Amino acid sequence: MSFIVAIDGPAGSGKGTITEIISKKLGLVNIGSGAAYRCVALETINKRIDLKETEKIIKILDEINIEYKIENKQNVIYLNGKNVTQRIREKDVATIVSPISSIKEVRFRLNDLFRDCAKNKDVIMEGRDIGTYVFPNADIKIYLDATIEERVKRRYKQNQENGIEMDYEEILKNIKKRDENDKNKEIGALKQAEDAIYIDSSNMSIEEVANKVIDIIKQKRKI
C-alpha cells in the first residue's frame, strides 16, 4: 500500500529543496519529475537533436536509462550510468526542458515511469501536475507558491552556489517563459488541484515551509 505526497508549484517556488528535506526526515522515496524531464532534455542536447524533431526526441525514451539514487545522504540522478545531478541544472538544459516536457508522448512515458516507481512505496514527488494528473488520488497534495521576484532570487542564488552563470534578468525572462508555457500545456498544465493545500512561501524560510508540510503529513498519517 503506497502513501503518496504530491507537491506542485511553479519554477523557483522551492519544491525541489522542500521535497528533498522531507524525504530525508521522514524516509519517503523522492521521485523528482523535473529531473527526469531534464535528463531527456540533456540527451536531446547530447544527440544534437533539434526541438522541431519531435519523433527523435520521443525515441530517446526507448534508449535512455534514468535512475534515482541516494549517495552520501544526497539525492542524485543518473543518466545512462553517469551522475548528471549538476549537469541537468545548467543553462542549456534549463532553456529547452519546458518545450520538451510539453510533448505529450514524453509526458505519458515518464508518467508511467513515475507511477511504477511509486508502487508499494511511501513517496514524495514534486512537479507541475503531480496532484492533478500523475497522482490525482495522492494522500496529500500541496501547492507551493511564491512571488516571481522571490522565485527569481532563489534561482539566482541556487545557480551561484552551483557555479552556473546566469544574470538576474535572464533568469526572470526564463521563469516568465516557463510559467506561461507550463500553465498552457495541453497535457499536464500547471494548476492547483481542488483539494490541494496552498502554501505561499514568499516570506517563509526553508525550515518553516518544511516543518509546515511535515506537520500536515504527520497529521494525515494519524488518520
Protein backbone atom coordinates (compact mmCIF):
# COMPACT_ATOMS: atom_id res chain seq x y z
CA MET A 1 0.00 0.00 0.00
CA SER A 2 1.51 3.33 -1.07
CA PHE A 3 1.40 6.64 0.75
CA ILE A 4 1.89 9.49 -1.72
CA VAL A 5 2.63 13.15 -1.10
CA ALA A 6 2.32 15.37 -4.19
CA ILE A 7 3.89 18.83 -4.25
CA ASP A 8 3.15 21.10 -7.20
CA GLY A 9 4.10 24.67 -7.99
CA PRO A 10 5.88 26.98 -10.44
CA ALA A 11 9.61 27.17 -11.16
CA GLY A 12 11.65 28.51 -8.23
CA SER A 13 8.93 28.00 -5.62
CA GLY A 14 11.20 25.73 -3.59
CA LYS A 15 9.54 22.40 -4.43
CA GLY A 16 12.77 20.51 -5.03
CA THR A 17 14.50 21.74 -1.86
CA ILE A 18 11.49 21.11 0.36
CA THR A 19 10.88 17.68 -1.13
CA GLU A 20 14.49 16.65 -0.56
CA ILE A 21 14.42 17.79 3.08
CA ILE A 22 11.16 15.97 3.82
CA SER A 23 12.34 12.86 2.00
CA LYS A 24 15.33 12.59 4.33
CA LYS A 25 13.46 13.49 7.53
CA LEU A 26 10.51 11.15 7.01
CA GLY A 27 12.15 8.43 4.91
CA LEU A 28 9.95 8.98 1.87
CA VAL A 29 11.20 7.99 -1.58
CA ASN A 30 11.89 11.18 -3.56
CA ILE A 31 10.84 10.90 -7.20
CA GLY A 32 11.83 14.12 -9.00
CA SER A 33 9.78 14.62 -12.15
CA GLY A 34 11.70 17.73 -13.19
CA ALA A 35 14.99 15.85 -13.07
CA ALA A 36 13.61 13.19 -15.40
CA TYR A 37 12.47 15.78 -17.95
CA ARG A 38 15.85 17.47 -17.66
CA CYS A 39 17.52 14.15 -18.43
CA VAL A 40 15.52 13.89 -21.66
CA ALA A 41 16.50 17.50 -22.45
CA LEU A 42 20.18 16.73 -21.80
CA GLU A 43 20.10 13.67 -24.03
CA THR A 44 18.44 15.80 -26.73
CA ILE A 45 21.45 18.12 -26.49
CA ASN A 46 23.90 15.22 -26.39
CA LYS A 47 22.46 13.77 -29.59
CA ARG A 48 22.26 17.21 -31.24
CA ILE A 49 18.55 16.82 -31.91
CA ASP A 50 16.61 19.93 -32.92
CA LEU A 51 13.49 20.74 -30.86
CA LYS A 52 11.43 20.50 -34.04
CA GLU A 53 12.43 16.85 -34.45
CA THR A 54 9.72 15.59 -32.11
CA GLU A 55 9.86 11.95 -33.22
CA LYS A 56 13.58 11.75 -32.49
CA ILE A 57 13.03 13.22 -29.01
CA ILE A 58 10.30 10.65 -28.32
CA LYS A 59 12.62 7.86 -29.50
CA ILE A 60 15.10 8.90 -26.80
CA LEU A 61 12.74 7.35 -24.23
CA ASP A 62 13.45 3.91 -25.77
CA GLU A 63 17.19 4.37 -25.42
CA ILE A 64 17.92 6.05 -22.09
CA ASN A 65 18.05 4.82 -18.52
CA ILE A 66 17.14 7.22 -15.68
CA GLU A 67 17.92 6.23 -12.09
CA TYR A 68 17.20 7.90 -8.74
CA LYS A 69 19.78 7.11 -6.04
CA ILE A 70 20.91 8.31 -2.62
CA GLU A 71 24.67 8.75 -2.21
CA ASN A 72 26.25 10.19 0.95
CA LYS A 73 22.73 11.06 2.10
CA GLN A 74 22.20 13.15 -1.06
CA ASN A 75 19.62 12.54 -3.80
CA VAL A 76 21.40 12.08 -7.11
CA ILE A 77 20.23 11.24 -10.62
CA TYR A 78 21.97 9.09 -13.19
CA LEU A 79 21.51 9.22 -16.95
CA ASN A 80 22.81 6.13 -18.74
CA GLY A 81 25.06 5.30 -15.81
CA LYS A 82 26.50 8.82 -15.40
CA ASN A 83 25.84 11.17 -12.49
CA VAL A 84 24.20 14.23 -14.10
CA THR A 85 22.79 15.84 -10.93
CA GLN A 86 24.59 19.15 -11.56
CA ARG A 87 24.74 18.97 -15.36
CA ILE A 88 20.95 18.93 -15.77
CA ARG A 89 20.72 22.25 -13.90
CA GLU A 90 22.86 24.14 -16.40
CA LYS A 91 21.59 26.88 -18.68
CA ASP A 92 21.37 24.96 -21.96
CA VAL A 93 19.24 22.26 -20.36
CA ALA A 94 17.01 24.73 -18.48
CA THR A 95 16.31 26.59 -21.72
CA ILE A 96 14.75 23.61 -23.52
CA VAL A 97 13.24 21.48 -20.75
CA SER A 98 9.81 23.18 -20.81
CA PRO A 99 9.07 22.64 -24.55
CA ILE A 100 10.31 19.04 -24.28
CA SER A 101 8.03 18.41 -21.30
CA SER A 102 5.14 19.70 -23.42
CA ILE A 103 5.47 16.78 -25.85
CA LYS A 104 2.51 14.54 -24.98
CA GLU A 105 4.27 11.26 -25.70
CA VAL A 106 7.21 12.22 -23.48
CA ARG A 107 4.85 13.07 -20.60
CA PHE A 108 2.87 9.83 -20.99
CA ARG A 109 6.00 7.69 -20.96
CA LEU A 110 7.61 9.42 -17.99
CA ASN A 111 4.35 9.45 -16.03
CA ASP A 112 4.20 5.67 -16.41
CA LEU A 113 7.77 5.52 -15.09
CA PHE A 114 6.84 7.66 -12.05
CA ARG A 115 3.81 5.51 -11.23
CA ASP A 116 5.87 2.33 -11.44
CA CYS A 117 8.47 3.84 -9.10
CA ALA A 118 5.73 4.63 -6.55
CA LYS A 119 4.18 1.17 -6.35
CA ASN A 120 4.08 -0.16 -2.77
CA LYS A 121 6.27 2.70 -1.52
CA ASP A 122 5.88 5.79 0.64
CA VAL A 123 6.65 8.53 -1.85
CA ILE A 124 7.04 12.28 -2.06
CA MET A 125 7.07 13.80 -5.54
CA GLU A 126 7.21 17.33 -6.85
CA GLY A 127 6.43 18.84 -10.22
CA ARG A 128 3.80 20.80 -12.11
CA ASP A 129 0.98 18.26 -12.41
CA ILE A 130 1.65 15.62 -9.78
CA GLY A 131 -1.53 16.17 -7.76
CA THR A 132 -3.73 16.87 -10.78
CA TYR A 133 -2.54 14.35 -13.37
CA VAL A 134 0.21 11.94 -12.28
CA PHE A 135 -1.25 11.05 -8.85
CA PRO A 136 -4.77 12.52 -8.72
CA ASN A 137 -5.54 10.24 -5.74
CA ALA A 138 -2.46 11.26 -3.73
CA ASP A 139 -2.92 11.09 0.04
CA ILE A 140 -1.66 14.67 0.43
CA LYS A 141 -1.49 17.45 -2.15
CA ILE A 142 0.45 20.67 -1.61
CA TYR A 143 0.57 23.65 -3.96
CA LEU A 144 3.75 25.58 -3.14
CA ASP A 145 3.92 29.12 -4.48
CA ALA A 146 5.93 32.37 -4.13
CA THR A 147 6.09 35.75 -5.84
CA ILE A 148 8.03 35.82 -9.09
CA GLU A 149 10.58 38.20 -7.53
CA GLU A 150 11.29 35.73 -4.74
CA ARG A 151 11.44 32.81 -7.16
CA VAL A 152 13.97 34.59 -9.38
CA LYS A 153 16.06 35.50 -6.33
CA ARG A 154 16.09 31.88 -5.18
CA ARG A 155 17.04 30.52 -8.62
CA TYR A 156 19.81 33.12 -8.93
CA LYS A 157 21.24 32.06 -5.56
CA GLN A 158 20.94 28.38 -6.47
CA ASN A 159 22.79 28.96 -9.74
CA GLN A 160 25.55 30.87 -7.96
CA GLU A 161 26.01 28.03 -5.48
CA ASN A 162 26.26 25.54 -8.33
CA GLY A 163 28.66 27.68 -10.37
CA ILE A 164 26.11 28.42 -13.11
CA GLU A 165 26.48 31.86 -14.70
CA MET A 166 23.11 33.46 -15.46
CA ASP A 167 22.21 37.04 -14.57
CA TYR A 168 19.03 38.15 -12.79
CA GLU A 169 17.27 39.49 -15.90
CA GLU A 170 17.98 36.32 -17.84
CA ILE A 171 16.55 34.17 -15.05
CA LEU A 172 13.49 36.44 -14.81
CA LYS A 173 12.87 36.11 -18.55
CA ASN A 174 13.35 32.34 -18.39
CA ILE A 175 10.98 31.86 -15.45
CA LYS A 176 8.27 34.06 -17.01
CA LYS A 177 8.52 31.99 -20.17
CA ARG A 178 8.39 28.76 -18.13
CA ASP A 179 5.30 29.97 -16.25
CA GLU A 180 3.47 30.84 -19.45
CA ASN A 181 4.35 27.54 -21.10
CA ASP A 182 3.61 25.43 -18.02
CA LYS A 183 0.17 26.97 -17.48
CA ASN A 184 -0.88 26.46 -21.11
CA LYS A 185 0.26 22.90 -21.78
CA GLU A 186 -2.34 20.70 -23.44
CA ILE A 187 -1.46 17.85 -21.08
CA GLY A 188 -0.26 18.30 -17.51
CA ALA A 189 -0.70 22.05 -17.23
CA LEU A 190 0.37 23.77 -14.02
CA LYS A 191 -2.63 24.41 -11.79
CA GLN A 192 -3.66 23.92 -8.21
CA ALA A 193 -5.67 20.76 -7.53
CA GLU A 194 -9.05 21.49 -5.95
CA ASP A 195 -8.13 19.53 -2.83
CA ALA A 196 -4.53 20.82 -2.56
CA ILE A 197 -3.32 22.82 0.43
CA TYR A 198 -1.96 26.19 -0.75
CA ILE A 199 1.29 27.47 0.80
CA ASP A 200 2.79 30.86 -0.10
CA SER A 201 6.45 30.57 0.83
CA SER A 202 7.47 34.11 -0.22
CA ASN A 203 8.14 35.24 3.35
CA MET A 204 8.95 31.86 4.86
CA SER A 205 12.31 30.22 5.45
CA ILE A 206 13.06 26.77 4.04
CA GLU A 207 12.80 25.33 7.54
CA GLU A 208 9.41 26.95 8.14
CA VAL A 209 7.98 25.55 4.91
CA ALA A 210 9.44 22.08 5.52
CA ASN A 211 8.08 21.98 9.08
CA LYS A 212 4.63 23.07 7.91
CA VAL A 213 4.49 20.30 5.31
CA ILE A 214 5.87 17.74 7.78
CA ASP A 215 3.10 18.68 10.24
CA ILE A 216 0.50 18.16 7.51
CA ILE A 217 1.95 14.73 6.64
CA LYS A 218 2.13 13.60 10.28
CA GLN A 219 -1.43 14.70 10.91
CA LYS A 220 -2.70 12.81 7.85
CA ARG A 221 -0.82 9.62 8.74
CA LYS A 222 -2.54 9.52 12.12
CA ILE A 223 -5.97 9.38 10.49
